[in-house]
Amino acid sequence: MAAPKKKKKIIIDTELCKGCRICIAFCQEKVLELDDFEKAVVRHPDQCDGCGMCELRCPDLAIELQ
């Protein structure tokens, strides 16, 4: 039996995030949203499947999956 897949954690550097919404558009699980400061935040971490599209598509390198 295979070991359970460990969940990845999304780290967003709000200093680098410009609120372009690209990560939000590419997240099929609807994990990310903008906060009151127009910065990306993780609203539903339990829904993240760890695909990495947010990290891959962020033009400012503000997102990292660990």
PDB file of N, CA and C in Angstrom:
ATOM      1  N   MET A   1       0.836  -1.180   0.000  1.00  0.00           N
ATOM      2  CA  MET A   1       0.000   0.000   0.000  1.00  0.00           C
ATOM      3  C   MET A   1       0.883   1.246   0.000  1.00  0.00           C
ATOM      4  N   ALA A   2       0.553   2.184  -0.858  1.00  0.00           N
ATOM      5  CA  ALA A   2       1.338   3.409  -0.984  1.00  0.00           C
ATOM      6  C   ALA A   2       1.089   4.335   0.194  1.00  0.00           C
ATOM      7  N   ALA A   3       2.140   5.080   0.561  1.00  0.00           N
ATOM      8  CA  ALA A   3       2.011   6.048   1.649  1.00  0.00           C
ATOM      9  C   ALA A   3       1.079   7.172   1.211  1.00  0.00           C
ATOM     10  N   PRO A   4       0.317   7.741   2.141  1.00  0.00           N
ATOM     11  CA  PRO A   4      -0.571   8.845   1.772  1.00  0.00           C
ATOM     12  C   PRO A   4       0.231  10.035   1.271  1.00  0.00           C
ATOM     13  N   LYS A   5      -0.315  10.703   0.274  1.00  0.00           N
ATOM     14  CA  LYS A   5       0.354  11.854  -0.313  1.00  0.00           C
ATOM     15  C   LYS A   5       0.312  13.026   0.661  1.00  0.00           C
ATOM     16  N   LYS A   6       1.481  13.620   0.931  1.00  0.00           N
ATOM     17  CA  LYS A   6       1.558  14.729   1.857  1.00  0.00           C
ATOM     18  C   LYS A   6       1.066  16.005   1.171  1.00  0.00           C
ATOM     19  N   LYS A   7       0.219  16.750   1.874  1.00  0.00           N
ATOM     20  CA  LYS A   7      -0.317  17.998   1.339  1.00  0.00           C
ATOM     21  C   LYS A   7       0.785  19.037   1.238  1.00  0.00           C
ATOM     22  N   LYS A   8       0.749  19.808   0.161  1.00  0.00           N
ATOM     23  CA  LYS A   8       1.690  20.907   0.011  1.00  0.00           C
ATOM     24  C   LYS A   8       1.074  22.167   0.584  1.00  0.00           C
ATOM     25  N   LYS A   9       1.923  23.024   1.107  1.00  0.00           N
ATOM     26  CA  LYS A   9       1.473  24.284   1.680  1.00  0.00           C
ATOM     27  C   LYS A   9       1.783  25.402   0.695  1.00  0.00           C
ATOM     28  N   ILE A  10       0.822  26.285   0.498  1.00  0.00           N
ATOM     29  CA  ILE A  10       0.998  27.427  -0.402  1.00  0.00           C
ATOM     30  C   ILE A  10       1.514  28.609   0.410  1.00  0.00           C
ATOM     31  N   ILE A  11       2.656  29.132   0.010  1.00  0.00           N
ATOM     32  CA  ILE A  11       3.243  30.303   0.657  1.00  0.00           C
ATOM     33  C   ILE A  11       3.157  31.461  -0.340  1.00  0.00           C
ATOM     34  N   ILE A  12       2.522  32.561   0.081  1.00  0.00           N
ATOM     35  CA  ILE A  12       2.382  33.731  -0.788  1.00  0.00           C
ATOM     36  C   ILE A  12       3.144  34.891  -0.168  1.00  0.00           C
ATOM     37  N   ASP A  13       4.078  35.456  -0.935  1.00  0.00           N
ATOM     38  CA  ASP A  13       4.831  36.630  -0.502  1.00  0.00           C
ATOM     39  C   ASP A  13       4.013  37.858  -0.895  1.00  0.00           C
ATOM     40  N   THR A  14       3.330  38.453   0.075  1.00  0.00           N
ATOM     41  CA  THR A  14       2.454  39.576  -0.231  1.00  0.00           C
ATOM     42  C   THR A  14       3.223  40.828  -0.659  1.00  0.00           C
ATOM     43  N   GLU A  15       4.512  40.863  -0.358  1.00  0.00           N
ATOM     44  CA  GLU A  15       5.328  41.991  -0.824  1.00  0.00           C
ATOM     45  C   GLU A  15       5.514  41.917  -2.345  1.00  0.00           C
ATOM     46  N   LEU A  16       5.578  40.705  -2.877  1.00  0.00           N
ATOM     47  CA  LEU A  16       5.775  40.526  -4.316  1.00  0.00           C
ATOM     48  C   LEU A  16       4.464  40.485  -5.097  1.00  0.00           C
ATOM     49  N   CYS A  17       3.388  40.074  -4.455  1.00  0.00           N
ATOM     50  CA  CYS A  17       2.100  39.932  -5.125  1.00  0.00           C
ATOM     51  C   CYS A  17       1.552  41.304  -5.524  1.00  0.00           C
ATOM     52  N   LYS A  18       1.161  41.427  -6.810  1.00  0.00           N
ATOM     53  CA  LYS A  18       0.578  42.684  -7.271  1.00  0.00           C
ATOM     54  C   LYS A  18      -0.925  42.570  -7.496  1.00  0.00           C
ATOM     55  N   GLY A  19      -1.493  41.421  -7.160  1.00  0.00           N
ATOM     56  CA  GLY A  19      -2.939  41.246  -7.269  1.00  0.00           C
ATOM     57  C   GLY A  19      -3.445  41.095  -8.689  1.00  0.00           C
ATOM     58  N   CYS A  20      -2.675  40.480  -9.539  1.00  0.00           N
ATOM     59  CA  CYS A  20      -3.048  40.353 -10.948  1.00  0.00           C
ATOM     60  C   CYS A  20      -4.145  39.316 -11.199  1.00  0.00           C
ATOM     61  N   ARG A  21      -4.388  38.438 -10.238  1.00  0.00           N
ATOM     62  CA  ARG A  21      -5.441  37.412 -10.286  1.00  0.00           C
ATOM     63  C   ARG A  21      -5.128  36.228 -11.213  1.00  0.00           C
ATOM     64  N   ILE A  22      -3.941  36.139 -11.747  1.00  0.00           N
ATOM     65  CA  ILE A  22      -3.597  35.015 -12.631  1.00  0.00           C
ATOM     66  C   ILE A  22      -3.640  33.704 -11.859  1.00  0.00           C
ATOM     67  N   CYS A  23      -3.106  33.699 -10.640  1.00  0.00           N
ATOM     68  CA  CYS A  23      -3.127  32.477  -9.831  1.00  0.00           C
ATOM     69  C   CYS A  23      -4.561  32.041  -9.543  1.00  0.00           C
ATOM     70  N   ILE A  24      -5.412  32.996  -9.288  1.00  0.00           N
ATOM     71  CA  ILE A  24      -6.819  32.701  -8.999  1.00  0.00           C
ATOM     72  C   ILE A  24      -7.491  32.096 -10.224  1.00  0.00           C
ATOM     73  N   ALA A  25      -7.197  32.641 -11.390  1.00  0.00           N
ATOM     74  CA  ALA A  25      -7.802  32.143 -12.628  1.00  0.00           C
ATOM     75  C   ALA A  25      -7.365  30.714 -12.945  1.00  0.00           C
ATOM     76  N   PHE A  26      -6.128  30.358 -12.630  1.00  0.00           N
ATOM     77  CA  PHE A  26      -5.615  29.026 -12.952  1.00  0.00           C
ATOM     78  C   PHE A  26      -5.908  27.980 -11.881  1.00  0.00           C
ATOM     79  N   CYS A  27      -6.372  28.394 -10.708  1.00  0.00           N
ATOM     80  CA  CYS A  27      -6.665  27.447  -9.637  1.00  0.00           C
ATOM     81  C   CYS A  27      -8.038  26.835  -9.853  1.00  0.00           C
ATOM     82  N   GLN A  28      -8.060  25.581 -10.299  1.00  0.00           N
ATOM     83  CA  GLN A  28      -9.324  24.905 -10.567  1.00  0.00           C
ATOM     84  C   GLN A  28     -10.056  24.514  -9.288  1.00  0.00           C
ATOM     85  N   GLU A  29      -9.350  24.493  -8.169  1.00  0.00           N
ATOM     86  CA  GLU A  29      -9.964  24.108  -6.898  1.00  0.00           C
ATOM     87  C   GLU A  29     -10.505  25.308  -6.115  1.00  0.00           C
ATOM     88  N   LYS A  30     -10.329  26.511  -6.649  1.00  0.00           N
ATOM     89  CA  LYS A  30     -10.825  27.746  -6.015  1.00  0.00           C
ATOM     90  C   LYS A  30     -10.278  27.934  -4.595  1.00  0.00           C
ATOM     91  N   VAL A  31      -8.969  27.729  -4.467  1.00  0.00           N
ATOM     92  CA  VAL A  31      -8.289  27.837  -3.173  1.00  0.00           C
ATOM     93  C   VAL A  31      -7.929  29.288  -2.855  1.00  0.00           C
ATOM     94  N   LEU A  32      -7.613  30.059  -3.883  1.00  0.00           N
ATOM     95  CA  LEU A  32      -7.104  31.414  -3.702  1.00  0.00           C
ATOM     96  C   LEU A  32      -8.167  32.476  -3.962  1.00  0.00           C
ATOM     97  N   GLU A  33      -8.034  33.582  -3.231  1.00  0.00           N
ATOM     98  CA  GLU A  33      -8.886  34.754  -3.426  1.00  0.00           C
ATOM     99  C   GLU A  33      -8.037  35.991  -3.152  1.00  0.00           C
ATOM    100  N   LEU A  34      -8.566  37.163  -3.480  1.00  0.00           N
ATOM    101  CA  LEU A  34      -7.893  38.406  -3.125  1.00  0.00           C
ATOM    102  C   LEU A  34      -8.417  38.888  -1.781  1.00  0.00           C
ATOM    103  N   ASP A  35      -7.510  39.471  -0.996  1.00  0.00           N
ATOM    104  CA  ASP A  35      -7.923  40.031   0.292  1.00  0.00           C
ATOM    105  C   ASP A  35      -8.322  41.497   0.113  1.00  0.00           C
ATOM    106  N   ASP A  36      -8.544  42.186   1.204  1.00  0.00           N
ATOM    107  CA  ASP A  36      -8.957  43.591   1.161  1.00  0.00           C
ATOM    108  C   ASP A  36      -7.875  44.515   0.596  1.00  0.00           C
ATOM    109  N   PHE A  37      -6.640  44.023   0.550  1.00  0.00           N
ATOM    110  CA  PHE A  37      -5.525  44.813   0.030  1.00  0.00           C
ATOM    111  C   PHE A  37      -5.190  44.436  -1.408  1.00  0.00           C
ATOM    112  N   GLU A  38      -6.079  43.650  -2.045  1.00  0.00           N
ATOM    113  CA  GLU A  38      -5.888  43.190  -3.427  1.00  0.00           C
ATOM    114  C   GLU A  38      -4.643  42.318  -3.580  1.00  0.00           C
ATOM    115  N   LYS A  39      -4.387  41.495  -2.575  1.00  0.00           N
ATOM    116  CA  LYS A  39      -3.286  40.530  -2.592  1.00  0.00           C
ATOM    117  C   LYS A  39      -3.870  39.133  -2.531  1.00  0.00           C
ATOM    118  N   ALA A  40      -3.224  38.181  -3.195  1.00  0.00           N
ATOM    119  CA  ALA A  40      -3.688  36.792  -3.184  1.00  0.00           C
ATOM    120  C   ALA A  40      -3.490  36.191  -1.795  1.00  0.00           C
ATOM    121  N   VAL A  41      -4.494  35.463  -1.344  1.00  0.00           N
ATOM    122  CA  VAL A  41      -4.431  34.754  -0.069  1.00  0.00           C
ATOM    123  C   VAL A  41      -5.045  33.372  -0.233  1.00  0.00           C
ATOM    124  N   VAL A  42      -4.628  32.459   0.628  1.00  0.00           N
ATOM    125  CA  VAL A  42      -5.166  31.102   0.625  1.00  0.00           C
ATOM    126  C   VAL A  42      -6.422  31.100   1.493  1.00  0.00           C
ATOM    127  N   ARG A  43      -7.584  30.950   0.885  1.00  0.00           N
ATOM    128  CA  ARG A  43      -8.848  30.960   1.627  1.00  0.00           C
ATOM    129  C   ARG A  43      -9.338  29.550   1.963  1.00  0.00           C
ATOM    130  N   HIS A  44      -9.009  28.585   1.106  1.00  0.00           N
ATOM    131  CA  HIS A  44      -9.513  27.225   1.289  1.00  0.00           C
ATOM    132  C   HIS A  44      -8.375  26.214   1.123  1.00  0.00           C
ATOM    133  N   PRO A  45      -7.422  26.191   2.081  1.00  0.00           N
ATOM    134  CA  PRO A  45      -6.254  25.313   1.932  1.00  0.00           C
ATOM    135  C   PRO A  45      -6.605  23.835   1.857  1.00  0.00           C
ATOM    136  N   ASP A  46      -7.710  23.433   2.478  1.00  0.00           N
ATOM    137  CA  ASP A  46      -8.124  22.035   2.461  1.00  0.00           C
ATOM    138  C   ASP A  46      -8.551  21.564   1.073  1.00  0.00           C
ATOM    139  N   GLN A  47      -8.856  22.489   0.178  1.00  0.00           N
ATOM    140  CA  GLN A  47      -9.263  22.142  -1.182  1.00  0.00           C
ATOM    141  C   GLN A  47      -8.078  22.018  -2.145  1.00  0.00           C
ATOM    142  N   CYS A  48      -6.891  22.434  -1.719  1.00  0.00           N
ATOM    143  CA  CYS A  48      -5.711  22.421  -2.598  1.00  0.00           C
ATOM    144  C   CYS A  48      -5.297  20.988  -2.923  1.00  0.00           C
ATOM    145  N   ASP A  49      -5.103  20.723  -4.222  1.00  0.00           N
ATOM    146  CA  ASP A  49      -4.659  19.391  -4.634  1.00  0.00           C
ATOM    147  C   ASP A  49      -3.160  19.359  -4.946  1.00  0.00           C
ATOM    148  N   GLY A  50      -2.467  20.495  -4.744  1.00  0.00           N
ATOM    149  CA  GLY A  50      -1.019  20.552  -4.926  1.00  0.00           C
ATOM    150  C   GLY A  50      -0.560  20.520  -6.364  1.00  0.00           C
ATOM    151  N   CYS A  51      -1.408  20.923  -7.296  1.00  0.00           N
ATOM    152  CA  CYS A  51      -1.053  20.851  -8.724  1.00  0.00           C
ATOM    153  C   CYS A  51       0.080  21.806  -9.098  1.00  0.00           C
ATOM    154  N   GLY A  52       0.208  22.927  -8.376  1.00  0.00           N
ATOM    155  CA  GLY A  52       1.292  23.861  -8.620  1.00  0.00           C
ATOM    156  C   GLY A  52       1.040  24.886  -9.713  1.00  0.00           C
ATOM    157  N   MET A  53      -0.166  24.932 -10.254  1.00  0.00           N
ATOM    158  CA  MET A  53      -0.449  25.898 -11.317  1.00  0.00           C
ATOM    159  C   MET A  53      -0.311  27.335 -10.830  1.00  0.00           C
ATOM    160  N   CYS A  54      -0.682  27.600  -9.589  1.00  0.00           N
ATOM    161  CA  CYS A  54      -0.550  28.960  -9.053  1.00  0.00           C
ATOM    162  C   CYS A  54       0.919  29.391  -9.042  1.00  0.00           C
ATOM    163  N   GLU A  55       1.774  28.496  -8.576  1.00  0.00           N
ATOM    164  CA  GLU A  55       3.216  28.788  -8.514  1.00  0.00           C
ATOM    165  C   GLU A  55       3.789  28.942  -9.914  1.00  0.00           C
ATOM    166  N   LEU A  56       3.402  28.079 -10.810  1.00  0.00           N
ATOM    167  CA  LEU A  56       3.905  28.089 -12.178  1.00  0.00           C
ATOM    168  C   LEU A  56       3.494  29.344 -12.940  1.00  0.00           C
ATOM    169  N   ARG A  57       2.271  29.803 -12.739  1.00  0.00           N
ATOM    170  CA  ARG A  57       1.722  30.919 -13.514  1.00  0.00           C
ATOM    171  C   ARG A  57       1.962  32.297 -12.923  1.00  0.00           C
ATOM    172  N   CYS A  58       2.390  32.388 -11.665  1.00  0.00           N
ATOM    173  CA  CYS A  58       2.596  33.693 -11.035  1.00  0.00           C
ATOM    174  C   CYS A  58       3.743  34.446 -11.723  1.00  0.00           C
ATOM    175  N   PRO A  59       3.433  35.583 -12.359  1.00  0.00           N
ATOM    176  CA  PRO A  59       4.488  36.315 -13.087  1.00  0.00           C
ATOM    177  C   PRO A  59       5.490  37.003 -12.158  1.00  0.00           C
ATOM    178  N   ASP A  60       5.142  37.144 -10.884  1.00  0.00           N
ATOM    179  CA  ASP A  60       6.008  37.848  -9.935  1.00  0.00           C
ATOM    180  C   ASP A  60       6.755  36.908  -8.989  1.00  0.00           C
ATOM    181  N   LEU A  61       6.611  35.603  -9.198  1.00  0.00           N
ATOM    182  CA  LEU A  61       7.249  34.608  -8.339  1.00  0.00           C
ATOM    183  C   LEU A  61       6.898  34.796  -6.870  1.00  0.00           C
ATOM    184  N   ALA A  62       5.643  35.176  -6.633  1.00  0.00           N
ATOM    185  CA  ALA A  62       5.197  35.447  -5.273  1.00  0.00           C
ATOM    186  C   ALA A  62       4.626  34.208  -4.588  1.00  0.00           C
ATOM    187  N   ILE A  63       4.468  33.107  -5.317  1.00  0.00           N
ATOM    188  CA  ILE A  63       3.864  31.907  -4.758  1.00  0.00           C
ATOM    189  C   ILE A  63       4.846  30.743  -4.797  1.00  0.00           C
ATOM    190  N   GLU A  64       4.885  30.020  -3.686  1.00  0.00           N
ATOM    191  CA  GLU A  64       5.742  28.848  -3.578  1.00  0.00           C
ATOM    192  C   GLU A  64       4.959  27.735  -2.907  1.00  0.00           C
ATOM    193  N   LEU A  65       5.080  26.533  -3.439  1.00  0.00           N
ATOM    194  CA  LEU A  65       4.497  25.366  -2.791  1.00  0.00           C
ATOM    195  C   LEU A  65       5.584  24.634  -2.058  1.00  0.00           C
ATOM    196  N   GLN A  66       5.343  24.324  -0.781  1.00  0.00           N
ATOM    197  CA  GLN A  66       6.329  23.605   0.038  1.00  0.00           C
ATOM    198  C   GLN A  66       5.719  22.320   0.526  1.00  0.00           C
TER     199      GLN A  66
END
